[in-house]
PDB file of all heavy atoms in Angstrom:
ATOM      1  N   ALA A   1       0.823  -1.211   0.000  1.00  0.00           N
ATOM      2  CA  ALA A   1       0.000   0.000   0.000  1.00  0.00           C
ATOM      3  C   ALA A   1       0.856   1.260   0.000  1.00  0.00           C
ATOM      4  O   ALA A   1       0.410   2.322  -0.452  1.00  0.00           O
ATOM      5  CB  ALA A   1      -0.934  -0.008   1.210  1.00  0.00           C
ATOM      6  N   LEU A   2       2.092   1.144   0.496  1.00  0.00           N
ATOM      7  CA  LEU A   2       3.010   2.279   0.518  1.00  0.00           C
ATOM      8  C   LEU A   2       3.925   2.303  -0.710  1.00  0.00           C
ATOM      9  O   LEU A   2       4.837   3.131  -0.786  1.00  0.00           O
ATOM     10  CB  LEU A   2       3.851   2.235   1.799  1.00  0.00           C
ATOM     11  CG  LEU A   2       3.069   2.417   3.113  1.00  0.00           C
ATOM     12  CD1 LEU A   2       3.951   2.084   4.311  1.00  0.00           C
ATOM     13  CD2 LEU A   2       2.531   3.840   3.231  1.00  0.00           C
ATOM     14  N   GLY A   3       3.690   1.381  -1.643  1.00  0.00           N
ATOM     15  CA  GLY A   3       4.495   1.336  -2.855  1.00  0.00           C
ATOM     16  C   GLY A   3       5.870   0.745  -2.648  1.00  0.00           C
ATOM     17  O   GLY A   3       6.799   1.028  -3.418  1.00  0.00           O
ATOM     18  N   VAL A   4       6.026  -0.098  -1.633  1.00  0.00           N
ATOM     19  CA  VAL A   4       7.328  -0.683  -1.298  1.00  0.00           C
ATOM     20  C   VAL A   4       7.301  -2.177  -1.613  1.00  0.00           C
ATOM     21  O   VAL A   4       6.361  -2.884  -1.244  1.00  0.00           O
ATOM     22  CB  VAL A   4       7.650  -0.470   0.194  1.00  0.00           C
ATOM     23  CG1 VAL A   4       8.981  -1.119   0.550  1.00  0.00           C
ATOM     24  CG2 VAL A   4       7.660   1.014   0.531  1.00  0.00           C
ATOM     25  N   ASP A   5       8.335  -2.677  -2.276  1.00  0.00           N
ATOM     26  CA  ASP A   5       8.445  -4.105  -2.581  1.00  0.00           C
ATOM     27  C   ASP A   5       9.244  -4.815  -1.494  1.00  0.00           C
ATOM     28  O   ASP A   5      10.275  -4.321  -1.018  1.00  0.00           O
ATOM     29  CB  ASP A   5       9.148  -4.321  -3.919  1.00  0.00           C
ATOM     30  CG  ASP A   5       8.264  -3.964  -5.102  1.00  0.00           C
ATOM     31  OD1 ASP A   5       7.020  -3.998  -4.950  1.00  0.00           O
ATOM     32  OD2 ASP A   5       8.808  -3.636  -6.176  1.00  0.00           O
ATOM     33  N   VAL A   6       8.756  -6.000  -1.107  1.00  0.00           N
ATOM     34  CA  VAL A   6       9.458  -6.840  -0.136  1.00  0.00           C
ATOM     35  C   VAL A   6      10.400  -7.771  -0.880  1.00  0.00           C
ATOM     36  O   VAL A   6       9.986  -8.505  -1.785  1.00  0.00           O
ATOM     37  CB  VAL A   6       8.454  -7.661   0.707  1.00  0.00           C
ATOM     38  CG1 VAL A   6       9.195  -8.652   1.596  1.00  0.00           C
ATOM     39  CG2 VAL A   6       7.583  -6.740   1.543  1.00  0.00           C
ATOM     40  N   LEU A   7      11.675  -7.746  -0.523  1.00  0.00           N
ATOM     41  CA  LEU A   7      12.671  -8.624  -1.134  1.00  0.00           C
ATOM     42  C   LEU A   7      12.794  -9.935  -0.365  1.00  0.00           C
ATOM     43  O   LEU A   7      12.911 -11.004  -0.952  1.00  0.00           O
ATOM     44  CB  LEU A   7      14.023  -7.920  -1.208  1.00  0.00           C
ATOM     45  CG  LEU A   7      14.037  -6.580  -1.957  1.00  0.00           C
ATOM     46  CD1 LEU A   7      15.441  -5.974  -1.930  1.00  0.00           C
ATOM     47  CD2 LEU A   7      13.540  -6.741  -3.383  1.00  0.00           C
ATOM     48  N   ARG A   8      12.791  -9.841   0.955  1.00  0.00           N
ATOM     49  CA  ARG A   8      12.798 -11.040   1.812  1.00  0.00           C
ATOM     50  C   ARG A   8      11.996 -10.742   3.067  1.00  0.00           C
ATOM     51  O   ARG A   8      11.964  -9.590   3.527  1.00  0.00           O
ATOM     52  CB  ARG A   8      14.227 -11.449   2.213  1.00  0.00           C
ATOM     53  CG  ARG A   8      15.028 -12.114   1.115  1.00  0.00           C
ATOM     54  CD  ARG A   8      16.368 -12.601   1.652  1.00  0.00           C
ATOM     55  NE  ARG A   8      16.233 -13.701   2.601  1.00  0.00           N
ATOM     56  CZ  ARG A   8      17.233 -14.160   3.375  1.00  0.00           C
ATOM     57  NH1 ARG A   8      18.421 -13.577   3.309  1.00  0.00           N
ATOM     58  NH2 ARG A   8      17.039 -15.163   4.193  1.00  0.00           N
ATOM     59  N   LEU A   9      11.358 -11.801   3.606  1.00  0.00           N
ATOM     60  CA  LEU A   9      10.604 -11.657   4.848  1.00  0.00           C
ATOM     61  C   LEU A   9      10.865 -12.900   5.686  1.00  0.00           C
ATOM     62  O   LEU A   9      10.533 -14.015   5.273  1.00  0.00           O
ATOM     63  CB  LEU A   9       9.108 -11.491   4.556  1.00  0.00           C
ATOM     64  CG  LEU A   9       8.210 -11.034   5.716  1.00  0.00           C
ATOM     65  CD1 LEU A   9       6.951 -10.354   5.190  1.00  0.00           C
ATOM     66  CD2 LEU A   9       7.813 -12.200   6.620  1.00  0.00           C
ATOM     67  N   VAL A  10      11.486 -12.698   6.847  1.00  0.00           N
ATOM     68  CA  VAL A  10      11.900 -13.808   7.708  1.00  0.00           C
ATOM     69  C   VAL A  10      11.317 -13.610   9.095  1.00  0.00           C
ATOM     70  O   VAL A  10      11.570 -12.590   9.756  1.00  0.00           O
ATOM     71  CB  VAL A  10      13.442 -13.891   7.818  1.00  0.00           C
ATOM     72  CG1 VAL A  10      13.852 -15.133   8.603  1.00  0.00           C
ATOM     73  CG2 VAL A  10      14.089 -13.869   6.442  1.00  0.00           C
ATOM     74  N   ARG A  11      10.534 -14.583   9.587  1.00  0.00           N
ATOM     75  CA  ARG A  11      10.068 -14.507  10.976  1.00  0.00           C
ATOM     76  C   ARG A  11      11.179 -15.057  11.874  1.00  0.00           C
ATOM     77  O   ARG A  11      11.620 -16.190  11.696  1.00  0.00           O
ATOM     78  CB  ARG A  11       8.777 -15.307  11.176  1.00  0.00           C
ATOM     79  CG  ARG A  11       8.241 -15.177  12.599  1.00  0.00           C
ATOM     80  CD  ARG A  11       6.756 -15.474  12.685  1.00  0.00           C
ATOM     81  NE  ARG A  11       6.440 -16.840  12.296  1.00  0.00           N
ATOM     82  CZ  ARG A  11       5.206 -17.251  12.000  1.00  0.00           C
ATOM     83  NH1 ARG A  11       4.197 -16.392  12.013  1.00  0.00           N
ATOM     84  NH2 ARG A  11       4.982 -18.505  11.662  1.00  0.00           N
ATOM     85  N   VAL A  12      11.604 -14.238  12.822  1.00  0.00           N
ATOM     86  CA  VAL A  12      12.742 -14.615  13.661  1.00  0.00           C
ATOM     87  C   VAL A  12      12.354 -14.920  15.104  1.00  0.00           C
ATOM     88  O   VAL A  12      13.165 -15.456  15.857  1.00  0.00           O
ATOM     89  CB  VAL A  12      13.832 -13.513  13.638  1.00  0.00           C
ATOM     90  CG1 VAL A  12      14.390 -13.333  12.234  1.00  0.00           C
ATOM     91  CG2 VAL A  12      13.289 -12.195  14.184  1.00  0.00           C
ATOM     92  N   ALA A  13      11.118 -14.586  15.503  1.00  0.00           N
ATOM     93  CA  ALA A  13      10.711 -14.857  16.882  1.00  0.00           C
ATOM     94  C   ALA A  13       9.195 -14.903  16.995  1.00  0.00           C
ATOM     95  O   ALA A  13       8.478 -14.209  16.271  1.00  0.00           O
ATOM     96  CB  ALA A  13      11.271 -13.808  17.842  1.00  0.00           C
ATOM     97  N   ILE A  14       8.718 -15.732  17.913  1.00  0.00           N
ATOM     98  CA  ILE A  14       7.316 -15.754  18.334  1.00  0.00           C
ATOM     99  C   ILE A  14       7.343 -15.604  19.842  1.00  0.00           C
ATOM    100  O   ILE A  14       7.802 -16.508  20.558  1.00  0.00           O
ATOM    101  CB  ILE A  14       6.610 -17.049  17.926  1.00  0.00           C
ATOM    102  CG1 ILE A  14       6.575 -17.199  16.403  1.00  0.00           C
ATOM    103  CG2 ILE A  14       5.189 -17.105  18.495  1.00  0.00           C
ATOM    104  CD1 ILE A  14       5.991 -18.514  15.914  1.00  0.00           C
ATOM    105  N   GLY A  15       6.875 -14.458  20.330  1.00  0.00           N
ATOM    106  CA  GLY A  15       7.010 -14.184  21.757  1.00  0.00           C
ATOM    107  C   GLY A  15       8.477 -14.273  22.144  1.00  0.00           C
ATOM    108  O   GLY A  15       9.350 -13.723  21.458  1.00  0.00           O
ATOM    109  N   PRO A  16       8.807 -15.006  23.228  1.00  0.00           N
ATOM    110  CA  PRO A  16      10.202 -15.123  23.652  1.00  0.00           C
ATOM    111  C   PRO A  16      10.992 -16.177  22.881  1.00  0.00           C
ATOM    112  O   PRO A  16      12.201 -16.293  23.051  1.00  0.00           O
ATOM    113  CB  PRO A  16      10.067 -15.542  25.125  1.00  0.00           C
ATOM    114  CG  PRO A  16       8.785 -16.329  25.159  1.00  0.00           C
ATOM    115  CD  PRO A  16       7.873 -15.661  24.159  1.00  0.00           C
ATOM    116  N   LEU A  17      10.304 -16.948  22.036  1.00  0.00           N
ATOM    117  CA  LEU A  17      10.962 -18.035  21.303  1.00  0.00           C
ATOM    118  C   LEU A  17      11.708 -17.489  20.099  1.00  0.00           C
ATOM    119  O   LEU A  17      11.105 -16.897  19.198  1.00  0.00           O
ATOM    120  CB  LEU A  17       9.917 -19.069  20.869  1.00  0.00           C
ATOM    121  CG  LEU A  17      10.464 -20.301  20.140  1.00  0.00           C
ATOM    122  CD1 LEU A  17      11.364 -21.124  21.056  1.00  0.00           C
ATOM    123  CD2 LEU A  17       9.315 -21.157  19.609  1.00  0.00           C
ATOM    124  N   GLN A  18      13.017 -17.686  20.063  1.00  0.00           N
ATOM    125  CA  GLN A  18      13.872 -17.167  18.995  1.00  0.00           C
ATOM    126  C   GLN A  18      14.226 -18.264  17.994  1.00  0.00           C
ATOM    127  O   GLN A  18      14.477 -19.408  18.365  1.00  0.00           O
ATOM    128  CB  GLN A  18      15.167 -16.603  19.597  1.00  0.00           C
ATOM    129  CG  GLN A  18      14.964 -15.487  20.616  1.00  0.00           C
ATOM    130  CD  GLN A  18      14.540 -14.188  19.967  1.00  0.00           C
ATOM    131  OE1 GLN A  18      15.000 -13.836  18.879  1.00  0.00           O
ATOM    132  NE2 GLN A  18      13.674 -13.447  20.641  1.00  0.00           N
ATOM    133  N   LEU A  19      14.263 -17.888  16.712  1.00  0.00           N
ATOM    134  CA  LEU A  19      14.704 -18.827  15.675  1.00  0.00           C
ATOM    135  C   LEU A  19      16.143 -19.253  15.917  1.00  0.00           C
ATOM    136  O   LEU A  19      16.510 -20.415  15.729  1.00  0.00           O
ATOM    137  CB  LEU A  19      14.562 -18.179  14.303  1.00  0.00           C
ATOM    138  CG  LEU A  19      14.988 -19.018  13.102  1.00  0.00           C
ATOM    139  CD1 LEU A  19      14.140 -20.274  12.974  1.00  0.00           C
ATOM    140  CD2 LEU A  19      14.901 -18.195  11.819  1.00  0.00           C
ATOM    141  N   GLY A  20      16.958 -18.305  16.349  1.00  0.00           N
ATOM    142  CA  GLY A  20      18.348 -18.609  16.689  1.00  0.00           C
ATOM    143  C   GLY A  20      19.128 -19.159  15.512  1.00  0.00           C
ATOM    144  O   GLY A  20      18.973 -18.706  14.374  1.00  0.00           O
ATOM    145  N   ASN A  21      19.944 -20.178  15.775  1.00  0.00           N
ATOM    146  CA  ASN A  21      20.808 -20.724  14.723  1.00  0.00           C
ATOM    147  C   ASN A  21      20.262 -22.007  14.113  1.00  0.00           C
ATOM    148  O   ASN A  21      21.008 -22.791  13.521  1.00  0.00           O
ATOM    149  CB  ASN A  21      22.221 -20.966  15.272  1.00  0.00           C
ATOM    150  CG  ASN A  21      22.223 -21.933  16.462  1.00  0.00           C
ATOM    151  OD1 ASN A  21      21.183 -22.470  16.830  1.00  0.00           O
ATOM    152  ND2 ASN A  21      23.387 -22.148  17.056  1.00  0.00           N
ATOM    153  N   LEU A  22      18.960 -22.242  14.246  1.00  0.00           N
ATOM    154  CA  LEU A  22      18.357 -23.417  13.619  1.00  0.00           C
ATOM    155  C   LEU A  22      18.533 -23.313  12.108  1.00  0.00           C
ATOM    156  O   LEU A  22      18.135 -22.321  11.486  1.00  0.00           O
ATOM    157  CB  LEU A  22      16.872 -23.499  13.981  1.00  0.00           C
ATOM    158  CG  LEU A  22      16.105 -24.714  13.437  1.00  0.00           C
ATOM    159  CD1 LEU A  22      16.639 -26.008  14.041  1.00  0.00           C
ATOM    160  CD2 LEU A  22      14.611 -24.582  13.728  1.00  0.00           C
ATOM    161  N   ALA A  23      19.138 -24.317  11.514  1.00  0.00           N
ATOM    162  CA  ALA A  23      19.455 -24.274  10.080  1.00  0.00           C
ATOM    163  C   ALA A  23      18.191 -24.256   9.234  1.00  0.00           C
ATOM    164  O   ALA A  23      17.180 -24.867   9.582  1.00  0.00           O
ATOM    165  CB  ALA A  23      20.324 -25.470   9.709  1.00  0.00           C
ATOM    166  N   LYS A  24      18.250 -23.558   8.118  1.00  0.00           N
ATOM    167  CA  LYS A  24      17.114 -23.481   7.211  1.00  0.00           C
ATOM    168  C   LYS A  24      16.766 -24.885   6.706  1.00  0.00           C
ATOM    169  O   LYS A  24      17.646 -25.689   6.371  1.00  0.00           O
ATOM    170  CB  LYS A  24      17.441 -22.573   6.030  1.00  0.00           C
ATOM    171  CG  LYS A  24      16.264 -22.265   5.128  1.00  0.00           C
ATOM    172  CD  LYS A  24      16.658 -21.325   4.008  1.00  0.00           C
ATOM    173  CE  LYS A  24      17.077 -19.975   4.549  1.00  0.00           C
ATOM    174  NZ  LYS A  24      17.337 -18.991   3.460  1.00  0.00           N
ATOM    175  N   GLY A  25      15.464 -25.187   6.686  1.00  0.00           N
ATOM    176  CA  GLY A  25      15.020 -26.488   6.209  1.00  0.00           C
ATOM    177  C   GLY A  25      15.166 -27.599   7.218  1.00  0.00           C
ATOM    178  O   GLY A  25      15.133 -28.787   6.860  1.00  0.00           O
ATOM    179  N   THR A  26      15.338 -27.234   8.509  1.00  0.00           N
ATOM    180  CA  THR A  26      15.414 -28.240   9.572  1.00  0.00           C
ATOM    181  C   THR A  26      14.398 -27.905  10.657  1.00  0.00           C
ATOM    182  O   THR A  26      13.797 -26.830  10.660  1.00  0.00           O
ATOM    183  CB  THR A  26      16.817 -28.315  10.199  1.00  0.00           C
ATOM    184  OG1 THR A  26      17.105 -27.074  10.876  1.00  0.00           O
ATOM    185  CG2 THR A  26      17.878 -28.567   9.139  1.00  0.00           C
ATOM    186  N   PHE A  27      14.212 -28.837  11.601  1.00  0.00           N
ATOM    187  CA  PHE A  27      13.284 -28.620  12.710  1.00  0.00           C
ATOM    188  C   PHE A  27      13.824 -29.303  13.954  1.00  0.00           C
ATOM    189  O   PHE A  27      14.741 -30.134  13.885  1.00  0.00           O
ATOM    190  CB  PHE A  27      11.896 -29.172  12.364  1.00  0.00           C
ATOM    191  CG  PHE A  27      11.820 -30.684  12.369  1.00  0.00           C
ATOM    192  CD1 PHE A  27      11.376 -31.367  13.492  1.00  0.00           C
ATOM    193  CD2 PHE A  27      12.206 -31.416  11.252  1.00  0.00           C
ATOM    194  CE1 PHE A  27      11.320 -32.754  13.501  1.00  0.00           C
ATOM    195  CE2 PHE A  27      12.151 -32.796  11.252  1.00  0.00           C
ATOM    196  CZ  PHE A  27      11.698 -33.469  12.378  1.00  0.00           C
ATOM    197  N   ARG A  28      13.264 -28.941  15.086  1.00  0.00           N
ATOM    198  CA  ARG A  28      13.596 -29.604  16.347  1.00  0.00           C
ATOM    199  C   ARG A  28      12.424 -29.468  17.305  1.00  0.00           C
ATOM    200  O   ARG A  28      11.509 -28.668  17.092  1.00  0.00           O
ATOM    201  CB  ARG A  28      14.857 -29.000  16.967  1.00  0.00           C
ATOM    202  CG  ARG A  28      14.721 -27.559  17.426  1.00  0.00           C
ATOM    203  CD  ARG A  28      15.956 -27.139  18.211  1.00  0.00           C
ATOM    204  NE  ARG A  28      15.942 -25.741  18.619  1.00  0.00           N
ATOM    205  CZ  ARG A  28      15.311 -25.261  19.686  1.00  0.00           C
ATOM    206  NH1 ARG A  28      14.574 -26.077  20.456  1.00  0.00           N
ATOM    207  NH2 ARG A  28      15.376 -23.973  20.000  1.00  0.00           N
ATOM    208  N   HIS A  29      12.446 -30.269  18.371  1.00  0.00           N
ATOM    209  CA  HIS A  29      11.432 -30.167  19.415  1.00  0.00           C
ATOM    210  C   HIS A  29      11.727 -28.948  20.284  1.00  0.00           C
ATOM    211  O   HIS A  29      12.897 -28.617  20.543  1.00  0.00           O
ATOM    212  CB  HIS A  29      11.432 -31.420  20.288  1.00  0.00           C
ATOM    213  CG  HIS A  29      10.945 -32.644  19.583  1.00  0.00           C
ATOM    214  ND1 HIS A  29       9.668 -33.133  19.720  1.00  0.00           N
ATOM    215  CD2 HIS A  29      11.574 -33.493  18.719  1.00  0.00           C
ATOM    216  CE1 HIS A  29       9.518 -34.213  18.984  1.00  0.00           C
ATOM    217  NE2 HIS A  29      10.667 -34.457  18.366  1.00  0.00           N
ATOM    218  N   LEU A  30      10.678 -28.287  20.748  1.00  0.00           N
ATOM    219  CA  LEU A  30      10.869 -27.246  21.758  1.00  0.00           C
ATOM    220  C   LEU A  30      11.378 -27.886  23.036  1.00  0.00           C
ATOM    221  O   LEU A  30      10.966 -28.991  23.390  1.00  0.00           O
ATOM    222  CB  LEU A  30       9.555 -26.521  22.063  1.00  0.00           C
ATOM    223  CG  LEU A  30       8.880 -25.703  20.965  1.00  0.00           C
ATOM    224  CD1 LEU A  30       7.713 -24.917  21.560  1.00  0.00           C
ATOM    225  CD2 LEU A  30       9.845 -24.770  20.280  1.00  0.00           C
ATOM    226  N   THR A  31      12.254 -27.192  23.729  1.00  0.00           N
ATOM    227  CA  THR A  31      12.666 -27.660  25.055  1.00  0.00           C
ATOM    228  C   THR A  31      11.539 -27.366  26.043  1.00  0.00           C
ATOM    229  O   THR A  31      10.648 -26.543  25.781  1.00  0.00           O
ATOM    230  CB  THR A  31      13.938 -26.954  25.522  1.00  0.00           C
ATOM    231  OG1 THR A  31      13.649 -25.558  25.727  1.00  0.00           O
ATOM    232  CG2 THR A  31      15.059 -27.096  24.501  1.00  0.00           C
ATOM    233  N   ALA A  32      11.564 -28.040  27.187  1.00  0.00           N
ATOM    234  CA  ALA A  32      10.551 -27.793  28.219  1.00  0.00           C
ATOM    235  C   ALA A  32      10.578 -26.334  28.649  1.00  0.00           C
ATOM    236  O   ALA A  32       9.528 -25.717  28.867  1.00  0.00           O
ATOM    237  CB  ALA A  32      10.795 -28.716  29.415  1.00  0.00           C
ATOM    238  N   GLU A  33      11.781 -25.767  28.745  1.00  0.00           N
ATOM    239  CA  GLU A  33      11.909 -24.366  29.168  1.00  0.00           C
ATOM    240  C   GLU A  33      11.304 -23.419  28.137  1.00  0.00           C
ATOM    241  O   GLU A  33      10.652 -22.434  28.494  1.00  0.00           O
ATOM    242  CB  GLU A  33      13.380 -24.023  29.402  1.00  0.00           C
ATOM    243  CG  GLU A  33      14.024 -24.729  30.586  1.00  0.00           C
ATOM    244  CD  GLU A  33      14.368 -26.186  30.319  1.00  0.00           C
ATOM    245  OE1 GLU A  33      14.336 -26.604  29.135  1.00  0.00           O
ATOM    246  OE2 GLU A  33      14.658 -26.918  31.289  1.00  0.00           O
ATOM    247  N   GLU A  34      11.511 -23.706  26.851  1.00  0.00           N
ATOM    248  CA  GLU A  34      10.945 -22.865  25.797  1.00  0.00           C
ATOM    249  C   GLU A  34       9.425 -22.917  25.814  1.00  0.00           C
ATOM    250  O   GLU A  34       8.753 -21.888  25.653  1.00  0.00           O
ATOM    251  CB  GLU A  34      11.473 -23.317  24.431  1.00  0.00           C
ATOM    252  CG  GLU A  34      12.933 -22.946  24.187  1.00  0.00           C
ATOM    253  CD  GLU A  34      13.495 -23.585  22.945  1.00  0.00           C
ATOM    254  OE1 GLU A  34      12.977 -24.649  22.525  1.00  0.00           O
ATOM    255  OE2 GLU A  34      14.465 -23.035  22.372  1.00  0.00           O
ATOM    256  N   LYS A  35       8.870 -24.108  25.986  1.00  0.00           N
ATOM    257  CA  LYS A  35       7.411 -24.258  26.027  1.00  0.00           C
ATOM    258  C   LYS A  35       6.824 -23.489  27.213  1.00  0.00           C
ATOM    259  O   LYS A  35       5.814 -22.770  27.082  1.00  0.00           O
ATOM    260  CB  LYS A  35       7.063 -25.741  26.125  1.00  0.00           C
ATOM    261  CG  LYS A  35       5.588 -26.066  26.387  1.00  0.00           C
ATOM    262  CD  LYS A  35       4.691 -25.683  25.246  1.00  0.00           C
ATOM    263  CE  LYS A  35       3.301 -26.312  25.376  1.00  0.00           C
ATOM    264  NZ  LYS A  35       2.645 -26.140  26.676  1.00  0.00           N
ATOM    265  N   ILE A  36       7.443 -23.608  28.376  1.00  0.00           N
ATOM    266  CA  ILE A  36       6.958 -22.902  29.570  1.00  0.00           C
ATOM    267  C   ILE A  36       7.038 -21.391  29.361  1.00  0.00           C
ATOM    268  O   ILE A  36       6.111 -20.646  29.688  1.00  0.00           O
ATOM    269  CB  ILE A  36       7.776 -23.328  30.813  1.00  0.00           C
ATOM    270  CG1 ILE A  36       7.452 -24.782  31.181  1.00  0.00           C
ATOM    271  CG2 ILE A  36       7.488 -22.410  31.994  1.00  0.00           C
ATOM    272  CD1 ILE A  36       8.375 -25.368  32.228  1.00  0.00           C
ATOM    273  N   SER A  37       8.152 -20.933  28.799  1.00  0.00           N
ATOM    274  CA  SER A  37       8.338 -19.494  28.563  1.00  0.00           C
ATOM    275  C   SER A  37       7.283 -18.952  27.610  1.00  0.00           C
ATOM    276  O   SER A  37       6.725 -17.865  27.820  1.00  0.00           O
ATOM    277  CB  SER A  37       9.739 -19.240  28.010  1.00  0.00           C
ATOM    278  OG  SER A  37       9.930 -17.880  27.725  1.00  0.00           O
ATOM    279  N   LEU A  38       6.981 -19.714  26.562  1.00  0.00           N
ATOM    280  CA  LEU A  38       5.973 -19.300  25.589  1.00  0.00           C
ATOM    281  C   LEU A  38       4.593 -19.259  26.233  1.00  0.00           C
ATOM    282  O   LEU A  38       3.816 -18.317  26.033  1.00  0.00           O
ATOM    283  CB  LEU A  38       5.998 -20.254  24.398  1.00  0.00           C
ATOM    284  CG  LEU A  38       5.326 -19.827  23.099  1.00  0.00           C
ATOM    285  CD1 LEU A  38       5.781 -18.443  22.654  1.00  0.00           C
ATOM    286  CD2 LEU A  38       5.603 -20.849  22.006  1.00  0.00           C
ATOM    287  N   ASP A  39       4.280 -20.267  27.041  1.00  0.00           N
ATOM    288  CA  ASP A  39       2.990 -20.310  27.734  1.00  0.00           C
ATOM    289  C   ASP A  39       2.842 -19.131  28.696  1.00  0.00           C
ATOM    290  O   ASP A  39       1.785 -18.493  28.764  1.00  0.00           O
ATOM    291  CB  ASP A  39       2.839 -21.622  28.509  1.00  0.00           C
ATOM    292  CG  ASP A  39       2.660 -22.824  27.590  1.00  0.00           C
ATOM    293  OD1 ASP A  39       2.366 -22.615  26.392  1.00  0.00           O
ATOM    294  OD2 ASP A  39       2.811 -23.961  28.058  1.00  0.00           O
ATOM    295  N   GLN A  40       3.902 -18.852  29.434  1.00  0.00           N
ATOM    296  CA  GLN A  40       3.850 -17.737  30.386  1.00  0.00           C
ATOM    297  C   GLN A  40       3.687 -16.409  29.661  1.00  0.00           C
ATOM    298  O   GLN A  40       2.973 -15.515  30.132  1.00  0.00           O
ATOM    299  CB  GLN A  40       5.110 -17.728  31.242  1.00  0.00           C
ATOM    300  CG  GLN A  40       5.180 -18.870  32.238  1.00  0.00           C
ATOM    301  CD  GLN A  40       6.484 -18.917  32.997  1.00  0.00           C
ATOM    302  OE1 GLN A  40       7.504 -18.357  32.563  1.00  0.00           O
ATOM    303  NE2 GLN A  40       6.493 -19.589  34.134  1.00  0.00           N
ATOM    304  N   SER A  41       4.319 -16.272  28.506  1.00  0.00           N
ATOM    305  CA  SER A  41       4.199 -15.046  27.720  1.00  0.00           C
ATOM    306  C   SER A  41       2.769 -14.852  27.244  1.00  0.00           C
ATOM    307  O   SER A  41       2.240 -13.739  27.263  1.00  0.00           O
ATOM    308  CB  SER A  41       5.152 -15.099  26.524  1.00  0.00           C
ATOM    309  OG  SER A  41       5.069 -13.928  25.758  1.00  0.00           O
ATOM    310  N   MET A  42       2.104 -15.932  26.840  1.00  0.00           N
ATOM    311  CA  MET A  42       0.710 -15.832  26.402  1.00  0.00           C
ATOM    312  C   MET A  42      -0.204 -15.443  27.553  1.00  0.00           C
ATOM    313  O   MET A  42      -1.129 -14.657  27.390  1.00  0.00           O
ATOM    314  CB  MET A  42       0.252 -17.149  25.773  1.00  0.00           C
ATOM    315  CG  MET A  42       0.836 -17.396  24.400  1.00  0.00           C
ATOM    316  SD  MET A  42       0.056 -18.773  23.529  1.00  0.00           S
ATOM    317  CE  MET A  42       0.761 -20.175  24.402  1.00  0.00           C
ATOM    318  N   GLU A  43       0.063 -15.974  28.727  1.00  0.00           N
ATOM    319  CA  GLU A  43      -0.745 -15.630  29.904  1.00  0.00           C
ATOM    320  C   GLU A  43      -0.636 -14.147  30.228  1.00  0.00           C
ATOM    321  O   GLU A  43      -1.609 -13.498  30.600  1.00  0.00           O
ATOM    322  CB  GLU A  43      -0.294 -16.457  31.104  1.00  0.00           C
ATOM    323  CG  GLU A  43      -0.641 -17.940  30.983  1.00  0.00           C
ATOM    324  CD  GLU A  43       0.001 -18.761  32.093  1.00  0.00           C
ATOM    325  OE1 GLU A  43       0.662 -18.153  32.974  1.00  0.00           O
ATOM    326  OE2 GLU A  43      -0.152 -19.999  32.079  1.00  0.00           O
TER     327      GLU A  43
END
């Protein structure tokens, strides 16, 4: 709407959860601490 083109768009965090150094095209389980932190942030 502002006449600006997006070249790249990367989501790097959801609440306190950071993408960090997780390699592109890979995945992992959340740690118990990450899950608790995310839940507390939502509360």
